[in-house]
Amino acid sequence: MLVCLPPRAAMLQYVDPVPWGCSIANQEFLQSMVALGVLPEITDRARPEWIAPRSSEEEPNPSKGYIVSLARLHERGFVIPARRFICALCHHYKMELHNMASNAISQAAVFVTVCEGFLGIKAHWDLWVHLFQAELYTDSVSLGVRRPPRASGLMLQVHEKRRHLYIPSTMTSNNRNWDKAWFYLRNDDKWLPPCTRKLLMSRPEVWSYGVSPQERQDKLKVLTDAL
């Protein structure tokens, strides 16, 4: 089935994404992540922090109060409970957690570390939107035909014209099969958007939003000078 997109992508046609498929993130797999320290121990058996999908599940169907996560996101810096900054990113870019590419999580984790560990401040929202923009990733099927991924789709990168204001930061280029290890994550306090298994098929204007008023940019100069 072909899906028509808004005018900005009118010349493109989109085909249905590849099905999720069964997850490799079984109980043993997720326990290995606990041993590595990237997932917490289960402390509440009645409402566990995470749940492995059943071997027969071919696509996510989380219970109420749970969302879809992927192992690679946790390996790249996503922590539980979710930081306010990650929650803010999800709501600002109008996405769900599974829509974030693994390198997007890495970019956010590095930014938080730079703010807290080097600048000595909490993650600074105006600095983030001044430096970063979001890009849409889709797979090429043929000329003029693309396929949105079930998981990922949103990439975060420094604005080309503002790279000189930020630290050099190279992300890993090997993300093969990273979306095969999906599982269910408890959405504590409902900070993260609820799961609708959302597909990213267009690039909202807010993805390129930056701090444009000069008076707001001037307030960031002390931070970008430090960087």
C-alpha atoms as a PDB file:
ATOM      1  CA  MET A   1       0.000   0.000   0.000  1.00  0.00           C
ATOM      2  CA  LEU A   2       1.321   3.445  -0.898  1.00  0.00           C
ATOM      3  CA  VAL A   3       0.926   6.345   1.477  1.00  0.00           C
ATOM      4  CA  CYS A   4       0.819   9.966   0.340  1.00  0.00           C
ATOM      5  CA  LEU A   5       2.710  12.507   2.391  1.00  0.00           C
ATOM      6  CA  PRO A   6       2.277  16.271   2.903  1.00  0.00           C
ATOM      7  CA  PRO A   7       3.328  18.725   0.144  1.00  0.00           C
ATOM      8  CA  ARG A   8       6.990  18.910   1.216  1.00  0.00           C
ATOM      9  CA  ALA A   9       7.349  15.247   0.275  1.00  0.00           C
ATOM     10  CA  ALA A  10       4.813  15.230  -2.544  1.00  0.00           C
ATOM     11  CA  MET A  11       7.335  13.797  -5.003  1.00  0.00           C
ATOM     12  CA  LEU A  12       7.953  10.777  -2.795  1.00  0.00           C
ATOM     13  CA  GLN A  13       5.865   7.685  -2.289  1.00  0.00           C
ATOM     14  CA  TYR A  14       6.003   5.651   0.878  1.00  0.00           C
ATOM     15  CA  VAL A  15       5.392   1.920   1.175  1.00  0.00           C
ATOM     16  CA  ASP A  16       4.392   0.037   4.292  1.00  0.00           C
ATOM     17  CA  PRO A  17       7.264  -0.578   6.689  1.00  0.00           C
ATOM     18  CA  VAL A  18       8.782  -3.990   7.278  1.00  0.00           C
ATOM     19  CA  PRO A  19       6.858  -5.781  10.071  1.00  0.00           C
ATOM     20  CA  TRP A  20       8.366  -5.716  13.547  1.00  0.00           C
ATOM     21  CA  GLY A  21       8.979  -9.446  13.764  1.00  0.00           C
ATOM     22  CA  CYS A  22       9.637 -11.455  16.919  1.00  0.00           C
ATOM     23  CA  SER A  23      12.019  -9.850  19.398  1.00  0.00           C
ATOM     24  CA  ILE A  24      15.329 -11.347  20.483  1.00  0.00           C
ATOM     25  CA  ALA A  25      14.979  -9.581  23.851  1.00  0.00           C
ATOM     26  CA  ASN A  26      13.798 -12.573  25.890  1.00  0.00           C
ATOM     27  CA  GLN A  27      14.123 -12.854  29.670  1.00  0.00           C
ATOM     28  CA  GLU A  28      17.688 -14.139  29.494  1.00  0.00           C
ATOM     29  CA  PHE A  29      18.706 -11.339  27.117  1.00  0.00           C
ATOM     30  CA  LEU A  30      17.245  -8.650  29.377  1.00  0.00           C
ATOM     31  CA  GLN A  31      18.808 -10.192  32.473  1.00  0.00           C
ATOM     32  CA  SER A  32      22.174  -9.896  30.747  1.00  0.00           C
ATOM     33  CA  MET A  33      21.464  -6.177  30.368  1.00  0.00           C
ATOM     34  CA  VAL A  34      20.755  -6.019  34.102  1.00  0.00           C
ATOM     35  CA  ALA A  35      24.141  -7.654  34.741  1.00  0.00           C
ATOM     36  CA  LEU A  36      25.782  -4.980  32.567  1.00  0.00           C
ATOM     37  CA  GLY A  37      24.052  -2.246  34.569  1.00  0.00           C
ATOM     38  CA  VAL A  38      22.023  -0.806  31.709  1.00  0.00           C
ATOM     39  CA  LEU A  39      18.680  -2.132  32.997  1.00  0.00           C
ATOM     40  CA  PRO A  40      17.520  -2.109  36.628  1.00  0.00           C
ATOM     41  CA  GLU A  41      16.677  -5.170  38.650  1.00  0.00           C
ATOM     42  CA  ILE A  42      12.993  -5.987  38.853  1.00  0.00           C
ATOM     43  CA  THR A  43      11.824  -4.890  42.296  1.00  0.00           C
ATOM     44  CA  ASP A  44       8.061  -5.026  41.827  1.00  0.00           C
ATOM     45  CA  ARG A  45       6.773  -8.362  40.571  1.00  0.00           C
ATOM     46  CA  ALA A  46       3.210  -7.041  40.376  1.00  0.00           C
ATOM     47  CA  ARG A  47       4.289  -4.154  38.169  1.00  0.00           C
ATOM     48  CA  PRO A  48       7.810  -4.950  36.893  1.00  0.00           C
ATOM     49  CA  GLU A  49      10.128  -2.262  35.617  1.00  0.00           C
ATOM     50  CA  TRP A  50      10.460  -4.146  32.317  1.00  0.00           C
ATOM     51  CA  ILE A  51       8.783  -7.102  30.621  1.00  0.00           C
ATOM     52  CA  ALA A  52      10.161  -9.433  27.970  1.00  0.00           C
ATOM     53  CA  PRO A  53       7.750 -10.029  25.072  1.00  0.00           C
ATOM     54  CA  ARG A  54       6.387 -13.524  24.584  1.00  0.00           C
ATOM     55  CA  SER A  55       8.206 -15.616  21.994  1.00  0.00           C
ATOM     56  CA  SER A  56       5.025 -15.752  19.899  1.00  0.00           C
ATOM     57  CA  GLU A  57       4.606 -11.958  19.694  1.00  0.00           C
ATOM     58  CA  GLU A  58       5.396 -10.658  16.231  1.00  0.00           C
ATOM     59  CA  GLU A  59       4.744  -7.000  17.036  1.00  0.00           C
ATOM     60  CA  PRO A  60       4.633  -4.951  20.251  1.00  0.00           C
ATOM     61  CA  ASN A  61       1.410  -4.838  22.217  1.00  0.00           C
ATOM     62  CA  PRO A  62       2.287  -3.315  25.592  1.00  0.00           C
ATOM     63  CA  SER A  63      -0.044  -3.430  28.568  1.00  0.00           C
ATOM     64  CA  LYS A  64      -1.473  -0.216  29.977  1.00  0.00           C
ATOM     65  CA  GLY A  65       1.248   1.855  31.606  1.00  0.00           C
ATOM     66  CA  TYR A  66       4.021   0.360  29.463  1.00  0.00           C
ATOM     67  CA  ILE A  67       5.778   1.550  26.302  1.00  0.00           C
ATOM     68  CA  VAL A  68       8.061  -0.023  23.725  1.00  0.00           C
ATOM     69  CA  SER A  69      11.800   0.321  24.224  1.00  0.00           C
ATOM     70  CA  LEU A  70      14.827  -1.183  22.521  1.00  0.00           C
ATOM     71  CA  ALA A  71      17.962  -2.627  24.050  1.00  0.00           C
ATOM     72  CA  ARG A  72      20.283  -0.417  22.012  1.00  0.00           C
ATOM     73  CA  LEU A  73      18.719   2.744  23.448  1.00  0.00           C
ATOM     74  CA  HIS A  74      19.706   1.632  26.947  1.00  0.00           C
ATOM     75  CA  GLU A  75      23.175   0.630  25.780  1.00  0.00           C
ATOM     76  CA  ARG A  76      23.658   4.111  24.300  1.00  0.00           C
ATOM     77  CA  GLY A  77      22.701   6.148  27.336  1.00  0.00           C
ATOM     78  CA  PHE A  78      18.971   5.945  28.054  1.00  0.00           C
ATOM     79  CA  VAL A  79      18.498   5.371  31.783  1.00  0.00           C
ATOM     80  CA  ILE A  80      15.622   4.455  34.076  1.00  0.00           C
ATOM     81  CA  PRO A  81      13.915   6.448  35.444  1.00  0.00           C
ATOM     82  CA  ALA A  82      13.919   8.580  32.327  1.00  0.00           C
ATOM     83  CA  ARG A  83      15.633  11.940  32.644  1.00  0.00           C
ATOM     84  CA  ARG A  84      13.422  14.995  32.321  1.00  0.00           C
ATOM     85  CA  PHE A  85      15.503  16.048  29.326  1.00  0.00           C
ATOM     86  CA  ILE A  86      14.732  12.876  27.358  1.00  0.00           C
ATOM     87  CA  CYS A  87      11.045  13.263  28.186  1.00  0.00           C
ATOM     88  CA  ALA A  88      11.176  16.857  26.974  1.00  0.00           C
ATOM     89  CA  LEU A  89      12.767  15.732  23.705  1.00  0.00           C
ATOM     90  CA  CYS A  90       9.993  13.206  23.095  1.00  0.00           C
ATOM     91  CA  HIS A  91       7.244  15.756  23.648  1.00  0.00           C
ATOM     92  CA  HIS A  92       9.023  18.549  21.749  1.00  0.00           C
ATOM     93  CA  TYR A  93       9.714  16.435  18.657  1.00  0.00           C
ATOM     94  CA  LYS A  94       6.284  14.758  18.876  1.00  0.00           C
ATOM     95  CA  MET A  95       7.624  11.219  18.981  1.00  0.00           C
ATOM     96  CA  GLU A  96       7.581   8.114  21.144  1.00  0.00           C
ATOM     97  CA  LEU A  97      10.638   6.519  22.706  1.00  0.00           C
ATOM     98  CA  HIS A  98      10.913   3.799  20.053  1.00  0.00           C
ATOM     99  CA  ASN A  99      11.080   6.503  17.348  1.00  0.00           C
ATOM    100  CA  MET A 100      14.506   7.645  18.557  1.00  0.00           C
ATOM    101  CA  ALA A 101      17.462   6.278  16.645  1.00  0.00           C
ATOM    102  CA  SER A 102      20.168   4.870  18.889  1.00  0.00           C
ATOM    103  CA  ASN A 103      22.538   7.665  17.879  1.00  0.00           C
ATOM    104  CA  ALA A 104      19.860  10.198  18.850  1.00  0.00           C
ATOM    105  CA  ILE A 105      19.946   8.830  22.392  1.00  0.00           C
ATOM    106  CA  SER A 106      23.745   9.032  22.294  1.00  0.00           C
ATOM    107  CA  GLN A 107      23.634  12.675  21.200  1.00  0.00           C
ATOM    108  CA  ALA A 108      21.237  13.522  24.020  1.00  0.00           C
ATOM    109  CA  ALA A 109      23.319  11.621  26.600  1.00  0.00           C
ATOM    110  CA  VAL A 110      26.506  13.388  25.487  1.00  0.00           C
ATOM    111  CA  PHE A 111      24.783  16.769  25.643  1.00  0.00           C
ATOM    112  CA  VAL A 112      23.552  16.145  29.194  1.00  0.00           C
ATOM    113  CA  THR A 113      27.064  15.067  30.213  1.00  0.00           C
ATOM    114  CA  VAL A 114      28.588  18.184  28.631  1.00  0.00           C
ATOM    115  CA  CYS A 115      26.124  20.423  30.478  1.00  0.00           C
ATOM    116  CA  GLU A 116      26.376  18.718  33.861  1.00  0.00           C
ATOM    117  CA  GLY A 117      29.997  17.550  33.796  1.00  0.00           C
ATOM    118  CA  PHE A 118      31.720  20.404  31.998  1.00  0.00           C
ATOM    119  CA  LEU A 119      29.519  23.502  32.074  1.00  0.00           C
ATOM    120  CA  GLY A 120      28.261  22.733  35.594  1.00  0.00           C
ATOM    121  CA  ILE A 121      24.596  23.331  34.739  1.00  0.00           C
ATOM    122  CA  LYS A 122      21.498  21.237  34.154  1.00  0.00           C
ATOM    123  CA  ALA A 123      20.721  20.291  30.562  1.00  0.00           C
ATOM    124  CA  HIS A 124      20.027  23.684  28.968  1.00  0.00           C
ATOM    125  CA  TRP A 125      17.018  23.637  26.643  1.00  0.00           C
ATOM    126  CA  ASP A 126      17.752  26.853  24.746  1.00  0.00           C
ATOM    127  CA  LEU A 127      21.324  25.687  24.152  1.00  0.00           C
ATOM    128  CA  TRP A 128      20.037  22.373  22.812  1.00  0.00           C
ATOM    129  CA  VAL A 129      17.590  23.815  20.266  1.00  0.00           C
ATOM    130  CA  HIS A 130      20.181  26.414  19.278  1.00  0.00           C
ATOM    131  CA  LEU A 131      22.723  23.706  18.421  1.00  0.00           C
ATOM    132  CA  PHE A 132      20.681  20.699  17.325  1.00  0.00           C
ATOM    133  CA  GLN A 133      18.102  19.801  14.726  1.00  0.00           C
ATOM    134  CA  ALA A 134      16.156  16.620  14.015  1.00  0.00           C
ATOM    135  CA  GLU A 135      16.225  14.735  10.734  1.00  0.00           C
ATOM    136  CA  LEU A 136      13.909  12.065   9.380  1.00  0.00           C
ATOM    137  CA  TYR A 137      15.393   8.716   8.383  1.00  0.00           C
ATOM    138  CA  THR A 138      13.656   6.417   5.917  1.00  0.00           C
ATOM    139  CA  ASP A 139      14.891   3.448   3.886  1.00  0.00           C
ATOM    140  CA  SER A 140      15.249   3.782   0.133  1.00  0.00           C
ATOM    141  CA  VAL A 141      13.229   1.162  -1.774  1.00  0.00           C
ATOM    142  CA  SER A 142      13.646   2.517  -5.295  1.00  0.00           C
ATOM    143  CA  LEU A 143      13.827   5.871  -7.033  1.00  0.00           C
ATOM    144  CA  GLY A 144      11.184   8.102  -5.424  1.00  0.00           C
ATOM    145  CA  VAL A 145       9.927   5.334  -3.122  1.00  0.00           C
ATOM    146  CA  ARG A 146      10.915   5.093   0.534  1.00  0.00           C
ATOM    147  CA  ARG A 147       9.948   3.014   3.566  1.00  0.00           C
ATOM    148  CA  PRO A 148       9.586   4.397   7.130  1.00  0.00           C
ATOM    149  CA  PRO A 149      11.116   2.218   9.846  1.00  0.00           C
ATOM    150  CA  ARG A 150       8.945   0.750  12.603  1.00  0.00           C
ATOM    151  CA  ALA A 151      11.572   1.769  15.154  1.00  0.00           C
ATOM    152  CA  SER A 152      13.872   4.801  14.991  1.00  0.00           C
ATOM    153  CA  GLY A 153      13.241   7.381  12.280  1.00  0.00           C
ATOM    154  CA  LEU A 154      14.344  10.431  14.236  1.00  0.00           C
ATOM    155  CA  MET A 155      18.003  11.404  14.101  1.00  0.00           C
ATOM    156  CA  LEU A 156      19.536  14.277  16.060  1.00  0.00           C
ATOM    157  CA  GLN A 157      22.548  16.196  14.840  1.00  0.00           C
ATOM    158  CA  VAL A 158      24.247  19.543  15.267  1.00  0.00           C
ATOM    159  CA  HIS A 159      23.177  22.277  12.861  1.00  0.00           C
ATOM    160  CA  GLU A 160      25.738  22.415  10.050  1.00  0.00           C
ATOM    161  CA  LYS A 161      26.336  26.136  10.594  1.00  0.00           C
ATOM    162  CA  ARG A 162      26.770  25.714  14.354  1.00  0.00           C
ATOM    163  CA  ARG A 163      29.224  22.821  14.529  1.00  0.00           C
ATOM    164  CA  HIS A 164      31.983  25.230  15.506  1.00  0.00           C
ATOM    165  CA  LEU A 165      30.030  26.050  18.685  1.00  0.00           C
ATOM    166  CA  TYR A 166      29.974  22.469  19.985  1.00  0.00           C
ATOM    167  CA  ILE A 167      32.444  19.731  20.869  1.00  0.00           C
ATOM    168  CA  PRO A 168      33.530  17.207  18.202  1.00  0.00           C
ATOM    169  CA  SER A 169      31.351  14.138  18.750  1.00  0.00           C
ATOM    170  CA  THR A 170      31.419  11.130  16.422  1.00  0.00           C
ATOM    171  CA  MET A 171      28.585   8.613  16.692  1.00  0.00           C
ATOM    172  CA  THR A 172      28.930   4.918  15.890  1.00  0.00           C
ATOM    173  CA  SER A 173      28.082   3.948  12.330  1.00  0.00           C
ATOM    174  CA  ASN A 174      27.162   0.301  12.954  1.00  0.00           C
ATOM    175  CA  ASN A 175      23.489  -0.014  13.911  1.00  0.00           C
ATOM    176  CA  ARG A 176      22.692  -3.216  12.073  1.00  0.00           C
ATOM    177  CA  ASN A 177      19.671  -5.137  13.391  1.00  0.00           C
ATOM    178  CA  TRP A 178      19.464  -2.837  16.383  1.00  0.00           C
ATOM    179  CA  ASP A 179      15.658  -2.782  16.218  1.00  0.00           C
ATOM    180  CA  LYS A 180      15.325  -6.553  16.743  1.00  0.00           C
ATOM    181  CA  ALA A 181      15.623  -6.352  20.531  1.00  0.00           C
ATOM    182  CA  TRP A 182      12.400  -4.636  21.549  1.00  0.00           C
ATOM    183  CA  PHE A 183      10.682  -5.088  24.901  1.00  0.00           C
ATOM    184  CA  TYR A 184       8.252  -3.393  27.259  1.00  0.00           C
ATOM    185  CA  LEU A 185       9.260  -0.652  29.659  1.00  0.00           C
ATOM    186  CA  ARG A 186       7.193   0.680  32.540  1.00  0.00           C
ATOM    187  CA  ASN A 187       6.302   4.309  31.898  1.00  0.00           C
ATOM    188  CA  ASP A 188       6.823   5.695  35.386  1.00  0.00           C
ATOM    189  CA  ASP A 189       4.633   8.709  36.157  1.00  0.00           C
ATOM    190  CA  LYS A 190       3.653   8.741  32.458  1.00  0.00           C
ATOM    191  CA  TRP A 191       6.475  11.180  31.719  1.00  0.00           C
ATOM    192  CA  LEU A 192       7.139   9.616  28.357  1.00  0.00           C
ATOM    193  CA  PRO A 193       4.438   9.678  25.654  1.00  0.00           C
ATOM    194  CA  PRO A 194       2.133   6.636  25.747  1.00  0.00           C
ATOM    195  CA  CYS A 195       2.717   3.937  23.173  1.00  0.00           C
ATOM    196  CA  THR A 196       0.702   4.080  19.958  1.00  0.00           C
ATOM    197  CA  ARG A 197       3.423   2.366  17.870  1.00  0.00           C
ATOM    198  CA  LYS A 198       3.758   5.657  16.026  1.00  0.00           C
ATOM    199  CA  LEU A 199       5.445   5.797  12.625  1.00  0.00           C
ATOM    200  CA  LEU A 200       7.445   8.880  11.659  1.00  0.00           C
ATOM    201  CA  MET A 201       6.519   9.691   8.069  1.00  0.00           C
ATOM    202  CA  SER A 202       7.042  13.424   7.804  1.00  0.00           C
ATOM    203  CA  ARG A 203       9.323  16.080   9.243  1.00  0.00           C
ATOM    204  CA  PRO A 204       7.386  18.594  11.382  1.00  0.00           C
ATOM    205  CA  GLU A 205       8.546  22.203  11.283  1.00  0.00           C
ATOM    206  CA  VAL A 206       9.458  22.059  14.965  1.00  0.00           C
ATOM    207  CA  TRP A 207      12.291  19.645  14.147  1.00  0.00           C
ATOM    208  CA  SER A 208      14.373  22.485  12.725  1.00  0.00           C
ATOM    209  CA  TYR A 209      13.381  25.077  15.333  1.00  0.00           C
ATOM    210  CA  GLY A 210      16.235  27.075  16.825  1.00  0.00           C
ATOM    211  CA  VAL A 211      16.710  29.916  19.264  1.00  0.00           C
ATOM    212  CA  SER A 212      16.300  32.741  16.788  1.00  0.00           C
ATOM    213  CA  PRO A 213      15.665  35.956  18.792  1.00  0.00           C
ATOM    214  CA  GLN A 214      19.015  37.713  19.156  1.00  0.00           C
ATOM    215  CA  GLU A 215      18.509  38.419  22.857  1.00  0.00           C
ATOM    216  CA  ARG A 216      18.173  34.699  23.545  1.00  0.00           C
ATOM    217  CA  GLN A 217      21.219  33.883  21.437  1.00  0.00           C
ATOM    218  CA  ASP A 218      23.243  36.493  23.333  1.00  0.00           C
ATOM    219  CA  LYS A 219      22.466  34.709  26.622  1.00  0.00           C
ATOM    220  CA  LEU A 220      23.974  31.529  25.219  1.00  0.00           C
ATOM    221  CA  LYS A 221      27.290  33.108  24.240  1.00  0.00           C
ATOM    222  CA  VAL A 222      28.931  32.472  27.602  1.00  0.00           C
ATOM    223  CA  LEU A 223      28.110  28.774  27.210  1.00  0.00           C
ATOM    224  CA  THR A 224      29.187  28.424  23.585  1.00  0.00           C
ATOM    225  CA  ASP A 225      32.406  30.349  24.374  1.00  0.00           C
ATOM    226  CA  ALA A 226      33.126  27.812  27.121  1.00  0.00           C
ATOM    227  CA  LEU A 227      32.544  24.946  24.706  1.00  0.00           C
END
